[in-house]
Structures are given as structure tokens and as C-alpha cells.
Amino acid sequence: MKITESELPAACAYLQCQFAAHSWWPKEQPGEALHEFKLMQGSASGLSVWCEKWLDAGQLRLLEKAIKR
């Protein structure tokens, strides 16, 4: 998934809501994922890399839907 600079605010908002709502999110190593998210949320390319690393196919689809609203 490639996030554009124009989609970055919506993507960050969605991901921050997921972290806030679910202590287990994403499924693998949520603490490390949150730490890396905080480091990589500043650019669309960085966040795209983060998404590919941490999100599964279902989570990626939900993120895409949230961005396209």
C-alpha cells in the first residue's frame, strides 16, 4: 500500500484511533509497532513502509477504506 502525502493526515488519524481503542493492535508486538509508528508517521513513504511491516491484509483494507472516505 502506498500512502500519498495528501492521505497522510487521514491515515495517521485512523491508525492513532486504532492504537487508542485496542491495546493489542496490531496483532504482533503492539508496543514496538507503536514506537515505530511514532517515528515513521512524519512522511507518507515512511508510513507506507510501517504499514507493510505491521498490518495484515485485513487491516490494510480497513485503512484504505478510512483514507478514501
Protein backbone atom coordinates (compact mmCIF):
# COMPACT_ATOMS: atom_id res chain seq x y z
CA MET A 1 0.00 0.00 0.00
CA LYS A 2 1.32 3.42 -0.97
CA ILE A 3 0.13 6.35 1.11
CA THR A 4 0.35 9.77 -0.53
CA GLU A 5 1.25 12.99 1.27
CA SER A 6 -2.37 14.15 0.90
CA GLU A 7 -3.60 10.94 2.55
CA LEU A 8 -1.08 11.11 5.41
CA PRO A 9 -3.24 13.06 7.91
CA ALA A 10 -6.22 10.71 7.44
CA ALA A 11 -4.01 7.63 7.69
CA CYS A 12 -2.32 8.87 10.86
CA ALA A 13 -5.66 9.76 12.45
CA TYR A 14 -7.08 6.31 11.68
CA LEU A 15 -4.01 4.50 12.99
CA GLN A 16 -3.88 6.59 16.16
CA CYS A 17 -7.53 5.73 16.83
CA GLN A 18 -6.74 2.03 16.41
CA PHE A 19 -3.87 2.24 18.88
CA ALA A 20 -6.06 4.11 21.37
CA ALA A 21 -9.02 1.73 21.06
CA HIS A 22 -7.17 -1.60 21.08
CA SER A 23 -4.23 -2.35 23.38
CA TRP A 24 -3.45 -5.46 21.31
CA TRP A 25 -3.34 -3.63 17.96
CA PRO A 26 -1.70 -4.51 15.65
CA LYS A 27 -1.59 -8.20 16.45
CA GLU A 28 2.18 -8.64 16.66
CA GLN A 29 4.27 -6.67 19.18
CA PRO A 30 1.91 -3.69 19.63
CA GLY A 31 4.36 -1.79 21.84
CA GLU A 32 7.14 -1.94 19.28
CA ALA A 33 4.68 -1.17 16.48
CA LEU A 34 3.50 1.98 18.29
CA HIS A 35 7.08 3.10 18.90
CA GLU A 36 7.95 2.69 15.21
CA PHE A 37 4.69 4.39 14.19
CA LYS A 38 5.66 7.47 16.20
CA LEU A 39 9.00 7.56 14.38
CA MET A 40 7.61 6.98 10.88
CA GLN A 41 4.34 8.94 10.87
CA GLY A 42 6.02 12.11 9.62
CA SER A 43 6.17 11.09 5.97
CA ALA A 44 3.92 9.21 3.58
CA SER A 45 6.76 6.95 2.42
CA GLY A 46 7.77 6.13 6.00
CA LEU A 47 4.20 5.36 7.00
CA SER A 48 3.75 3.17 3.91
CA VAL A 49 6.77 1.11 4.96
CA TRP A 50 5.39 0.87 8.50
CA CYS A 51 2.01 -0.35 7.21
CA GLU A 52 3.59 -3.05 5.06
CA LYS A 53 5.60 -4.26 8.04
CA TRP A 54 2.94 -4.22 10.75
CA LEU A 55 -0.52 -4.56 9.20
CA ASP A 56 -2.08 -7.71 7.83
CA ALA A 57 -4.22 -7.74 4.66
CA GLY A 58 -7.48 -7.10 6.52
CA GLN A 59 -6.03 -4.19 8.48
CA LEU A 60 -4.62 -2.70 5.27
CA ARG A 61 -8.06 -2.89 3.61
CA LEU A 62 -9.67 -1.11 6.56
CA LEU A 63 -7.01 1.59 6.45
CA GLU A 64 -7.57 2.08 2.71
CA LYS A 65 -11.33 2.46 3.30
CA ALA A 66 -10.72 5.01 6.06
CA ILE A 67 -8.38 7.05 3.86
CA LYS A 68 -10.76 7.07 0.87
CA ARG A 69 -13.73 8.48 2.84
